[in-house]
């Protein structure tokens, strides 16, 4: 059966609004990298670009680009218990 797909309504200047999925993909990659960072750090392995590259299969350039956000996400996700 053929289904019709409709475009979003045109804006006043005549162009249709576009949505980007780049932010969603970046967030997923950062989450994956953060999980690997937490796993490696919890195992006592030094977290470097080389170890992350070997574990995730991502390129060094991609890891360097995503590392600051992923490190912040990994820090927020880690739960530390302090006993008094």
N, C-alpha and C. Protein backbone atom coordinates (compact mmCIF):
# COMPACT_ATOMS: atom_id res chain seq x y z
N UNK A 1 0.83 -1.16 0.00
CA UNK A 1 0.00 0.00 0.00
C UNK A 1 0.88 1.24 0.00
N UNK A 2 0.55 2.21 -0.77
CA UNK A 2 1.33 3.43 -0.86
C UNK A 2 0.83 4.41 0.20
N UNK A 3 1.77 4.92 0.99
CA UNK A 3 1.42 5.90 2.00
C UNK A 3 1.98 7.25 1.60
N UNK A 4 1.24 8.27 1.85
CA UNK A 4 1.70 9.61 1.52
C UNK A 4 2.49 10.18 2.68
N UNK A 5 3.58 10.85 2.34
CA UNK A 5 4.37 11.55 3.34
C UNK A 5 4.29 13.04 3.04
N UNK A 6 4.03 13.78 4.07
CA UNK A 6 3.88 15.21 3.88
C UNK A 6 5.07 15.95 4.48
N UNK A 7 5.48 17.00 3.80
CA UNK A 7 6.55 17.84 4.33
C UNK A 7 5.99 18.74 5.42
N UNK A 8 6.87 19.21 6.32
CA UNK A 8 6.42 20.19 7.28
C UNK A 8 6.03 21.48 6.57
N UNK A 9 5.20 22.26 7.21
CA UNK A 9 4.74 23.50 6.60
C UNK A 9 5.93 24.42 6.33
N UNK A 10 5.86 25.15 5.25
CA UNK A 10 6.93 26.07 4.87
C UNK A 10 6.94 27.27 5.80
N UNK A 11 8.13 27.75 6.08
CA UNK A 11 8.25 28.96 6.88
C UNK A 11 7.93 30.18 6.01
N UNK A 12 7.79 31.35 6.60
CA UNK A 12 7.40 32.53 5.82
C UNK A 12 8.34 32.86 4.66
N UNK A 13 9.62 32.53 4.78
CA UNK A 13 10.52 32.86 3.68
C UNK A 13 10.53 31.79 2.59
N UNK A 14 9.70 30.77 2.71
CA UNK A 14 9.55 29.79 1.65
C UNK A 14 10.41 28.54 1.77
N UNK A 15 11.20 28.41 2.82
CA UNK A 15 12.03 27.22 2.98
C UNK A 15 11.39 26.32 4.03
N UNK A 16 11.64 25.05 3.92
CA UNK A 16 11.10 24.11 4.90
C UNK A 16 12.10 23.96 6.03
N UNK A 17 11.62 23.82 7.27
CA UNK A 17 12.54 23.67 8.39
C UNK A 17 13.21 22.30 8.33
N UNK A 18 14.46 22.27 8.67
CA UNK A 18 15.21 21.01 8.69
C UNK A 18 15.65 20.70 10.11
N UNK A 19 15.63 19.44 10.43
CA UNK A 19 16.11 19.01 11.72
C UNK A 19 17.38 18.19 11.51
N UNK A 20 18.29 18.31 12.45
CA UNK A 20 19.55 17.60 12.34
C UNK A 20 19.60 16.51 13.40
N UNK A 21 20.15 15.38 13.03
CA UNK A 21 20.31 14.29 13.98
C UNK A 21 21.75 14.21 14.47
N UNK A 22 22.59 15.19 14.12
CA UNK A 22 23.99 15.16 14.52
C UNK A 22 24.15 15.21 16.03
N UNK A 23 23.33 16.00 16.70
CA UNK A 23 23.42 16.09 18.16
C UNK A 23 23.07 14.77 18.82
N UNK A 24 22.11 14.06 18.27
CA UNK A 24 21.71 12.77 18.81
C UNK A 24 22.82 11.74 18.64
N UNK A 25 23.46 11.75 17.49
CA UNK A 25 24.55 10.80 17.24
C UNK A 25 25.73 11.10 18.14
N UNK A 26 26.05 12.39 18.28
CA UNK A 26 27.16 12.78 19.15
C UNK A 26 26.89 12.35 20.59
N UNK A 27 25.67 12.52 21.06
CA UNK A 27 25.33 12.12 22.43
C UNK A 27 25.47 10.61 22.62
N UNK A 28 25.06 9.84 21.63
CA UNK A 28 25.19 8.39 21.72
C UNK A 28 26.66 7.96 21.74
N UNK A 29 27.48 8.59 20.90
CA UNK A 29 28.89 8.25 20.88
C UNK A 29 29.57 8.66 22.19
N UNK A 30 29.20 9.82 22.74
CA UNK A 30 29.76 10.24 24.02
C UNK A 30 29.36 9.28 25.13
N UNK A 31 28.12 8.82 25.11
CA UNK A 31 27.66 7.88 26.13
C UNK A 31 28.42 6.55 26.03
N UNK A 32 28.65 6.09 24.82
CA UNK A 32 29.40 4.84 24.62
C UNK A 32 30.83 5.00 25.12
N UNK A 33 31.44 6.14 24.80
CA UNK A 33 32.81 6.40 25.23
C UNK A 33 32.88 6.54 26.74
N UNK A 34 31.89 7.19 27.35
CA UNK A 34 31.86 7.35 28.80
C UNK A 34 31.73 5.99 29.49
N UNK A 35 30.91 5.10 28.95
CA UNK A 35 30.78 3.77 29.53
C UNK A 35 32.10 3.02 29.49
N UNK A 36 32.81 3.12 28.38
CA UNK A 36 34.11 2.46 28.28
C UNK A 36 35.12 3.09 29.23
N UNK A 37 35.06 4.40 29.39
CA UNK A 37 35.96 5.07 30.33
C UNK A 37 35.73 4.58 31.75
N UNK A 38 34.46 4.48 32.15
CA UNK A 38 34.14 4.00 33.49
C UNK A 38 34.55 2.55 33.68
N UNK A 39 34.36 1.74 32.66
CA UNK A 39 34.73 0.33 32.74
C UNK A 39 36.23 0.17 32.91
N UNK A 40 36.99 0.91 32.10
CA UNK A 40 38.44 0.81 32.18
C UNK A 40 38.97 1.35 33.50
N UNK A 41 38.44 2.49 33.93
CA UNK A 41 38.90 3.08 35.19
C UNK A 41 38.54 2.19 36.38
N UNK A 42 37.38 1.56 36.33
CA UNK A 42 36.98 0.65 37.40
C UNK A 42 37.82 -0.60 37.45
N UNK A 43 38.39 -0.99 36.31
CA UNK A 43 39.25 -2.17 36.25
C UNK A 43 40.68 -1.86 36.63
N UNK A 44 40.99 -0.57 36.84
CA UNK A 44 42.34 -0.19 37.20
C UNK A 44 43.25 0.04 36.00
N UNK A 45 42.69 0.11 34.83
CA UNK A 45 43.46 0.34 33.61
C UNK A 45 43.54 1.84 33.37
N UNK A 46 44.71 2.33 33.00
CA UNK A 46 44.89 3.74 32.69
C UNK A 46 44.11 4.08 31.42
N UNK A 47 43.25 5.08 31.50
CA UNK A 47 42.41 5.46 30.37
C UNK A 47 43.17 6.45 29.50
N UNK A 48 43.57 6.01 28.32
CA UNK A 48 44.26 6.85 27.36
C UNK A 48 43.55 6.75 26.02
N UNK A 49 43.98 7.58 25.10
CA UNK A 49 43.39 7.54 23.75
C UNK A 49 43.65 6.18 23.11
N UNK A 50 44.83 5.63 23.33
CA UNK A 50 45.17 4.34 22.73
C UNK A 50 44.31 3.21 23.27
N UNK A 51 44.10 3.19 24.60
CA UNK A 51 43.28 2.11 25.16
C UNK A 51 41.82 2.27 24.75
N UNK A 52 41.34 3.51 24.69
CA UNK A 52 39.97 3.71 24.23
C UNK A 52 39.81 3.34 22.77
N UNK A 53 40.81 3.65 21.96
CA UNK A 53 40.77 3.29 20.54
C UNK A 53 40.72 1.78 20.37
N UNK A 54 41.50 1.10 21.16
CA UNK A 54 41.54 -0.37 21.07
C UNK A 54 40.22 -0.98 21.55
N UNK A 55 39.64 -0.42 22.60
CA UNK A 55 38.41 -0.97 23.17
C UNK A 55 37.17 -0.66 22.33
N UNK A 56 37.07 0.57 21.83
CA UNK A 56 35.86 0.99 21.14
C UNK A 56 35.91 0.84 19.64
N UNK A 57 37.11 0.88 19.06
CA UNK A 57 37.23 0.82 17.62
C UNK A 57 37.08 2.17 16.96
N UNK A 58 37.00 3.25 17.77
CA UNK A 58 36.90 4.60 17.22
C UNK A 58 38.29 5.11 16.85
N UNK A 59 38.33 6.09 15.96
CA UNK A 59 39.61 6.67 15.58
C UNK A 59 40.12 7.59 16.68
N UNK A 60 41.41 7.84 16.67
CA UNK A 60 42.02 8.72 17.68
C UNK A 60 41.46 10.14 17.59
N UNK A 61 41.23 10.61 16.37
CA UNK A 61 40.70 11.97 16.19
C UNK A 61 39.28 12.09 16.76
N UNK A 62 38.47 11.07 16.55
CA UNK A 62 37.11 11.09 17.09
C UNK A 62 37.12 11.04 18.60
N UNK A 63 37.99 10.24 19.16
CA UNK A 63 38.08 10.14 20.62
C UNK A 63 38.55 11.47 21.19
N UNK A 64 39.52 12.11 20.55
CA UNK A 64 40.01 13.40 21.02
C UNK A 64 38.91 14.46 20.98
N UNK A 65 38.03 14.38 20.00
CA UNK A 65 36.94 15.34 19.88
C UNK A 65 35.86 15.09 20.93
N UNK A 66 35.58 13.83 21.23
CA UNK A 66 34.48 13.50 22.14
C UNK A 66 34.91 13.33 23.59
N UNK A 67 36.21 13.24 23.85
CA UNK A 67 36.71 12.92 25.19
C UNK A 67 36.29 13.90 26.28
N UNK A 68 36.35 15.22 26.07
CA UNK A 68 35.96 16.10 27.18
C UNK A 68 34.51 15.91 27.63
N UNK A 69 33.59 15.81 26.70
CA UNK A 69 32.19 15.59 27.06
C UNK A 69 31.97 14.22 27.67
N UNK A 70 32.66 13.22 27.14
CA UNK A 70 32.50 11.86 27.66
C UNK A 70 33.09 11.74 29.06
N UNK A 71 34.21 12.42 29.31
CA UNK A 71 34.81 12.38 30.64
C UNK A 71 33.90 13.04 31.67
N UNK A 72 33.28 14.15 31.29
CA UNK A 72 32.34 14.81 32.20
C UNK A 72 31.13 13.93 32.47
N UNK A 73 30.65 13.26 31.44
CA UNK A 73 29.51 12.35 31.59
C UNK A 73 29.88 11.17 32.47
N UNK A 74 31.10 10.64 32.31
CA UNK A 74 31.54 9.51 33.12
C UNK A 74 31.68 9.92 34.58
N UNK A 75 32.18 11.13 34.82
CA UNK A 75 32.30 11.61 36.20
C UNK A 75 30.93 11.75 36.86
N UNK A 76 29.97 12.28 36.12
CA UNK A 76 28.62 12.44 36.68
C UNK A 76 27.97 11.09 36.95
N UNK A 77 28.27 10.11 36.13
CA UNK A 77 27.63 8.80 36.26
C UNK A 77 28.25 7.95 37.36
N UNK A 78 29.49 8.24 37.69
CA UNK A 78 30.14 7.41 38.71
C UNK A 78 29.62 7.79 40.09
N UNK A 79 29.40 6.79 40.88
CA UNK A 79 28.86 6.99 42.23
C UNK A 79 29.93 6.53 43.20
N UNK A 80 30.30 7.43 44.07
CA UNK A 80 31.32 7.09 45.06
C UNK A 80 30.68 7.06 46.43
N UNK A 81 31.03 6.06 47.19
CA UNK A 81 30.52 5.96 48.53
C UNK A 81 31.63 6.28 49.51
N UNK A 82 31.37 7.16 50.42
CA UNK A 82 32.34 7.53 51.43
C UNK A 82 31.81 7.06 52.77
N UNK A 83 32.60 6.24 53.43
CA UNK A 83 32.18 5.75 54.74
C UNK A 83 32.81 6.62 55.81
N UNK A 84 31.99 7.01 56.76
CA UNK A 84 32.50 7.88 57.86
C UNK A 84 33.03 7.05 59.00
